[in-house]
Amino acid sequence: MTVGQAPIKQALKWIGEQLKDNPAADRTRLVDEASRRFDLTPLDADFLWRHLAERGTKKES
């Protein structure tokens, strides 16, 4: 973990890197793993779900 950086930012960065390496990655697993890896609160995990859903919708349009 990067010192001084909010866990949600670290999780977003990590998920972005995972999706860049493997665009077909299971987003459910990524959010679950990021939640545990970065010790996110339930509200942070919910934000990740919403963020990824918006990203997926924009790409499909």
PDB file of N, CA and C in Angstrom:
ATOM      1  N   MET A   1       0.826  -1.187   0.000  1.00  0.00           N
ATOM      2  CA  MET A   1       0.000   0.000   0.000  1.00  0.00           C
ATOM      3  C   MET A   1       0.868   1.246   0.000  1.00  0.00           C
ATOM      4  N   THR A   2       0.357   2.263  -0.642  1.00  0.00           N
ATOM      5  CA  THR A   2       1.044   3.529  -0.667  1.00  0.00           C
ATOM      6  C   THR A   2       0.681   4.311   0.584  1.00  0.00           C
ATOM      7  N   VAL A   3       1.696   4.788   1.295  1.00  0.00           N
ATOM      8  CA  VAL A   3       1.465   5.540   2.518  1.00  0.00           C
ATOM      9  C   VAL A   3       0.821   6.881   2.187  1.00  0.00           C
ATOM     10  N   GLY A   4      -0.198   7.258   2.966  1.00  0.00           N
ATOM     11  CA  GLY A   4      -0.836   8.549   2.784  1.00  0.00           C
ATOM     12  C   GLY A   4      -1.923   8.587   1.729  1.00  0.00           C
ATOM     13  N   GLN A   5      -2.176   7.488   1.063  1.00  0.00           N
ATOM     14  CA  GLN A   5      -3.213   7.469   0.043  1.00  0.00           C
ATOM     15  C   GLN A   5      -4.434   6.728   0.589  1.00  0.00           C
ATOM     16  N   ALA A   6      -5.622   7.270   0.350  1.00  0.00           N
ATOM     17  CA  ALA A   6      -6.849   6.659   0.847  1.00  0.00           C
ATOM     18  C   ALA A   6      -7.020   5.259   0.266  1.00  0.00           C
ATOM     19  N   PRO A   7      -7.516   4.322   1.075  1.00  0.00           N
ATOM     20  CA  PRO A   7      -7.707   2.947   0.584  1.00  0.00           C
ATOM     21  C   PRO A   7      -8.587   2.868  -0.658  1.00  0.00           C
ATOM     22  N   ILE A   8      -9.610   3.703  -0.760  1.00  0.00           N
ATOM     23  CA  ILE A   8     -10.481   3.648  -1.935  1.00  0.00           C
ATOM     24  C   ILE A   8      -9.710   4.030  -3.191  1.00  0.00           C
ATOM     25  N   LYS A   9      -8.809   4.992  -3.094  1.00  0.00           N
ATOM     26  CA  LYS A   9      -7.989   5.375  -4.250  1.00  0.00           C
ATOM     27  C   LYS A   9      -7.051   4.234  -4.640  1.00  0.00           C
ATOM     28  N   GLN A  10      -6.490   3.577  -3.635  1.00  0.00           N
ATOM     29  CA  GLN A  10      -5.612   2.440  -3.906  1.00  0.00           C
ATOM     30  C   GLN A  10      -6.395   1.324  -4.585  1.00  0.00           C
ATOM     31  N   ALA A  11      -7.616   1.080  -4.111  1.00  0.00           N
ATOM     32  CA  ALA A  11      -8.449   0.027  -4.684  1.00  0.00           C
ATOM     33  C   ALA A  11      -8.809   0.354  -6.131  1.00  0.00           C
ATOM     34  N   LEU A  12      -9.183   1.602  -6.391  1.00  0.00           N
ATOM     35  CA  LEU A  12      -9.510   2.002  -7.762  1.00  0.00           C
ATOM     36  C   LEU A  12      -8.315   1.837  -8.691  1.00  0.00           C
ATOM     37  N   LYS A  13      -7.161   2.233  -8.221  1.00  0.00           N
ATOM     38  CA  LYS A  13      -5.945   2.097  -9.020  1.00  0.00           C
ATOM     39  C   LYS A  13      -5.657   0.615  -9.304  1.00  0.00           C
ATOM     40  N   TRP A  14      -5.763  -0.205  -8.268  1.00  0.00           N
ATOM     41  CA  TRP A  14      -5.489  -1.631  -8.416  1.00  0.00           C
ATOM     42  C   TRP A  14      -6.470  -2.281  -9.396  1.00  0.00           C
ATOM     43  N   ILE A  15      -7.767  -1.972  -9.248  1.00  0.00           N
ATOM     44  CA  ILE A  15      -8.770  -2.543 -10.150  1.00  0.00           C
ATOM     45  C   ILE A  15      -8.514  -2.070 -11.582  1.00  0.00           C
ATOM     46  N   GLY A  16      -8.176  -0.807 -11.748  1.00  0.00           N
ATOM     47  CA  GLY A  16      -7.866  -0.291 -13.082  1.00  0.00           C
ATOM     48  C   GLY A  16      -6.712  -1.041 -13.726  1.00  0.00           C
ATOM     49  N   GLU A  17      -5.683  -1.320 -12.934  1.00  0.00           N
ATOM     50  CA  GLU A  17      -4.536  -2.071 -13.443  1.00  0.00           C
ATOM     51  C   GLU A  17      -4.946  -3.492 -13.828  1.00  0.00           C
ATOM     52  N   GLN A  18      -5.783  -4.120 -13.002  1.00  0.00           N
ATOM     53  CA  GLN A  18      -6.231  -5.481 -13.294  1.00  0.00           C
ATOM     54  C   GLN A  18      -7.047  -5.518 -14.582  1.00  0.00           C
ATOM     55  N   LEU A  19      -7.920  -4.528 -14.770  1.00  0.00           N
ATOM     56  CA  LEU A  19      -8.752  -4.484 -15.974  1.00  0.00           C
ATOM     57  C   LEU A  19      -7.932  -4.131 -17.212  1.00  0.00           C
ATOM     58  N   LYS A  20      -6.879  -3.352 -17.023  1.00  0.00           N
ATOM     59  CA  LYS A  20      -6.000  -3.033 -18.153  1.00  0.00           C
ATOM     60  C   LYS A  20      -5.275  -4.299 -18.621  1.00  0.00           C
ATOM     61  N   ASP A  21      -4.807  -5.082 -17.654  1.00  0.00           N
ATOM     62  CA  ASP A  21      -4.114  -6.327 -17.982  1.00  0.00           C
ATOM     63  C   ASP A  21      -5.060  -7.379 -18.545  1.00  0.00           C
ATOM     64  N   ASN A  22      -6.306  -7.384 -18.042  1.00  0.00           N
ATOM     65  CA  ASN A  22      -7.276  -8.385 -18.461  1.00  0.00           C
ATOM     66  C   ASN A  22      -8.667  -7.754 -18.504  1.00  0.00           C
ATOM     67  N   PRO A  23      -9.032  -7.143 -19.636  1.00  0.00           N
ATOM     68  CA  PRO A  23     -10.323  -6.459 -19.741  1.00  0.00           C
ATOM     69  C   PRO A  23     -11.526  -7.365 -19.482  1.00  0.00           C
ATOM     70  N   ALA A  24     -11.367  -8.651 -19.659  1.00  0.00           N
ATOM     71  CA  ALA A  24     -12.471  -9.591 -19.455  1.00  0.00           C
ATOM     72  C   ALA A  24     -12.528 -10.117 -18.017  1.00  0.00           C
ATOM     73  N   ALA A  25     -11.728  -9.553 -17.138  1.00  0.00           N
ATOM     74  CA  ALA A  25     -11.693 -10.026 -15.743  1.00  0.00           C
ATOM     75  C   ALA A  25     -13.070  -9.910 -15.102  1.00  0.00           C
ATOM     76  N   ASP A  26     -13.340 -10.810 -14.185  1.00  0.00           N
ATOM     77  CA  ASP A  26     -14.609 -10.822 -13.451  1.00  0.00           C
ATOM     78  C   ASP A  26     -14.629  -9.655 -12.469  1.00  0.00           C
ATOM     79  N   ARG A  27     -15.450  -8.651 -12.752  1.00  0.00           N
ATOM     80  CA  ARG A  27     -15.502  -7.453 -11.914  1.00  0.00           C
ATOM     81  C   ARG A  27     -16.003  -7.751 -10.509  1.00  0.00           C
ATOM     82  N   THR A  28     -16.862  -8.731 -10.380  1.00  0.00           N
ATOM     83  CA  THR A  28     -17.348  -9.119  -9.054  1.00  0.00           C
ATOM     84  C   THR A  28     -16.181  -9.568  -8.187  1.00  0.00           C
ATOM     85  N   ARG A  29     -15.347 -10.394  -8.733  1.00  0.00           N
ATOM     86  CA  ARG A  29     -14.171 -10.877  -7.986  1.00  0.00           C
ATOM     87  C   ARG A  29     -13.194  -9.745  -7.693  1.00  0.00           C
ATOM     88  N   LEU A  30     -13.019  -8.845  -8.651  1.00  0.00           N
ATOM     89  CA  LEU A  30     -12.094  -7.734  -8.441  1.00  0.00           C
ATOM     90  C   LEU A  30     -12.547  -6.844  -7.286  1.00  0.00           C
ATOM     91  N   VAL A  31     -13.837  -6.523  -7.240  1.00  0.00           N
ATOM     92  CA  VAL A  31     -14.348  -5.687  -6.155  1.00  0.00           C
ATOM     93  C   VAL A  31     -14.228  -6.418  -4.826  1.00  0.00           C
ATOM     94  N   ASP A  32     -14.555  -7.694  -4.825  1.00  0.00           N
ATOM     95  CA  ASP A  32     -14.448  -8.484  -3.594  1.00  0.00           C
ATOM     96  C   ASP A  32     -13.001  -8.536  -3.104  1.00  0.00           C
ATOM     97  N   GLU A  33     -12.082  -8.805  -4.011  1.00  0.00           N
ATOM     98  CA  GLU A  33     -10.675  -8.882  -3.621  1.00  0.00           C
ATOM     99  C   GLU A  33     -10.139  -7.517  -3.177  1.00  0.00           C
ATOM    100  N   ALA A  34     -10.506  -6.465  -3.893  1.00  0.00           N
ATOM    101  CA  ALA A  34     -10.062  -5.120  -3.514  1.00  0.00           C
ATOM    102  C   ALA A  34     -10.609  -4.735  -2.140  1.00  0.00           C
ATOM    103  N   SER A  35     -11.842  -5.121  -1.868  1.00  0.00           N
ATOM    104  CA  SER A  35     -12.450  -4.812  -0.573  1.00  0.00           C
ATOM    105  C   SER A  35     -11.659  -5.429   0.568  1.00  0.00           C
ATOM    106  N   ARG A  36     -11.219  -6.656   0.363  1.00  0.00           N
ATOM    107  CA  ARG A  36     -10.426  -7.336   1.400  1.00  0.00           C
ATOM    108  C   ARG A  36      -8.992  -6.821   1.429  1.00  0.00           C
ATOM    109  N   ARG A  37      -8.398  -6.689   0.261  1.00  0.00           N
ATOM    110  CA  ARG A  37      -6.994  -6.294   0.155  1.00  0.00           C
ATOM    111  C   ARG A  37      -6.737  -4.911   0.763  1.00  0.00           C
ATOM    112  N   PHE A  38      -7.683  -3.981   0.548  1.00  0.00           N
ATOM    113  CA  PHE A  38      -7.496  -2.613   1.011  1.00  0.00           C
ATOM    114  C   PHE A  38      -8.373  -2.271   2.218  1.00  0.00           C
ATOM    115  N   ASP A  39      -8.993  -3.301   2.809  1.00  0.00           N
ATOM    116  CA  ASP A  39      -9.795  -3.154   4.024  1.00  0.00           C
ATOM    117  C   ASP A  39     -10.815  -2.021   3.877  1.00  0.00           C
ATOM    118  N   LEU A  40     -11.620  -2.109   2.812  1.00  0.00           N
ATOM    119  CA  LEU A  40     -12.593  -1.061   2.526  1.00  0.00           C
ATOM    120  C   LEU A  40     -13.828  -1.175   3.402  1.00  0.00           C
ATOM    121  N   THR A  41     -14.457  -0.042   3.638  1.00  0.00           N
ATOM    122  CA  THR A  41     -15.727  -0.029   4.359  1.00  0.00           C
ATOM    123  C   THR A  41     -16.822  -0.493   3.399  1.00  0.00           C
ATOM    124  N   PRO A  42     -17.981  -0.879   3.929  1.00  0.00           N
ATOM    125  CA  PRO A  42     -19.090  -1.245   3.030  1.00  0.00           C
ATOM    126  C   PRO A  42     -19.479  -0.108   2.075  1.00  0.00           C
ATOM    127  N   LEU A  43     -19.400   1.128   2.542  1.00  0.00           N
ATOM    128  CA  LEU A  43     -19.713   2.262   1.662  1.00  0.00           C
ATOM    129  C   LEU A  43     -18.697   2.385   0.529  1.00  0.00           C
ATOM    130  N   ASP A  44     -17.435   2.141   0.833  1.00  0.00           N
ATOM    131  CA  ASP A  44     -16.407   2.183  -0.214  1.00  0.00           C
ATOM    132  C   ASP A  44     -16.630   1.070  -1.233  1.00  0.00           C
ATOM    133  N   ALA A  45     -16.967  -0.117  -0.755  1.00  0.00           N
ATOM    134  CA  ALA A  45     -17.227  -1.233  -1.667  1.00  0.00           C
ATOM    135  C   ALA A  45     -18.432  -0.922  -2.557  1.00  0.00           C
ATOM    136  N   ASP A  46     -19.463  -0.309  -1.982  1.00  0.00           N
ATOM    137  CA  ASP A  46     -20.632   0.087  -2.768  1.00  0.00           C
ATOM    138  C   ASP A  46     -20.240   1.099  -3.841  1.00  0.00           C
ATOM    139  N   PHE A  47     -19.383   2.038  -3.492  1.00  0.00           N
ATOM    140  CA  PHE A  47     -18.895   3.009  -4.472  1.00  0.00           C
ATOM    141  C   PHE A  47     -18.196   2.287  -5.627  1.00  0.00           C
ATOM    142  N   LEU A  48     -17.362   1.302  -5.308  1.00  0.00           N
ATOM    143  CA  LEU A  48     -16.670   0.565  -6.369  1.00  0.00           C
ATOM    144  C   LEU A  48     -17.668  -0.102  -7.307  1.00  0.00           C
ATOM    145  N   TRP A  49     -18.723  -0.711  -6.728  1.00  0.00           N
ATOM    146  CA  TRP A  49     -19.741  -1.350  -7.567  1.00  0.00           C
ATOM    147  C   TRP A  49     -20.361  -0.343  -8.519  1.00  0.00           C
ATOM    148  N   ARG A  50     -20.745   0.835  -7.992  1.00  0.00           N
ATOM    149  CA  ARG A  50     -21.375   1.854  -8.824  1.00  0.00           C
ATOM    150  C   ARG A  50     -20.393   2.378  -9.871  1.00  0.00           C
ATOM    151  N   HIS A  51     -19.156   2.586  -9.479  1.00  0.00           N
ATOM    152  CA  HIS A  51     -18.131   3.090 -10.394  1.00  0.00           C
ATOM    153  C   HIS A  51     -17.913   2.110 -11.551  1.00  0.00           C
ATOM    154  N   LEU A  52     -17.819   0.840 -11.234  1.00  0.00           N
ATOM    155  CA  LEU A  52     -17.582  -0.159 -12.282  1.00  0.00           C
ATOM    156  C   LEU A  52     -18.807  -0.333 -13.171  1.00  0.00           C
ATOM    157  N   ALA A  53     -19.993  -0.207 -12.602  1.00  0.00           N
ATOM    158  CA  ALA A  53     -21.210  -0.325 -13.410  1.00  0.00           C
ATOM    159  C   ALA A  53     -21.278   0.823 -14.420  1.00  0.00           C
ATOM    160  N   GLU A  54     -20.923   2.045 -13.971  1.00  0.00           N
ATOM    161  CA  GLU A  54     -20.921   3.183 -14.886  1.00  0.00           C
ATOM    162  C   GLU A  54     -19.880   3.001 -15.985  1.00  0.00           C
ATOM    163  N   ARG A  55     -18.736   2.500 -15.618  1.00  0.00           N
ATOM    164  CA  ARG A  55     -17.672   2.277 -16.608  1.00  0.00           C
ATOM    165  C   ARG A  55     -18.121   1.281 -17.652  1.00  0.00           C
ATOM    166  N   GLY A  56     -18.742   0.192 -17.203  1.00  0.00           N
ATOM    167  CA  GLY A  56     -19.214  -0.832 -18.131  1.00  0.00           C
ATOM    168  C   GLY A  56     -20.290  -0.308 -19.066  1.00  0.00           C
ATOM    169  N   THR A  57     -21.189   0.517 -18.555  1.00  0.00           N
ATOM    170  CA  THR A  57     -22.261   1.078 -19.360  1.00  0.00           C
ATOM    171  C   THR A  57     -21.702   2.018 -20.412  1.00  0.00           C
ATOM    172  N   LYS A  58     -20.748   2.840 -20.057  1.00  0.00           N
ATOM    173  CA  LYS A  58     -20.172   3.790 -21.010  1.00  0.00           C
ATOM    174  C   LYS A  58     -19.442   3.077 -22.138  1.00  0.00           C
ATOM    175  N   LYS A  59     -18.773   1.986 -21.828  1.00  0.00           N
ATOM    176  CA  LYS A  59     -18.040   1.253 -22.857  1.00  0.00           C
ATOM    177  C   LYS A  59     -18.987   0.561 -23.835  1.00  0.00           C
ATOM    178  N   GLU A  60     -20.134   0.089 -23.323  1.00  0.00           N
ATOM    179  CA  GLU A  60     -21.061  -0.643 -24.170  1.00  0.00           C
ATOM    180  C   GLU A  60     -21.838   0.279 -25.095  1.00  0.00           C
ATOM    181  N   SER A  61     -21.963   1.552 -24.764  1.00  0.00           N
ATOM    182  CA  SER A  61     -22.753   2.498 -25.570  1.00  0.00           C
ATOM    183  C   SER A  61     -22.154   2.709 -26.931  1.00  0.00           C
TER     184      SER A  61
END
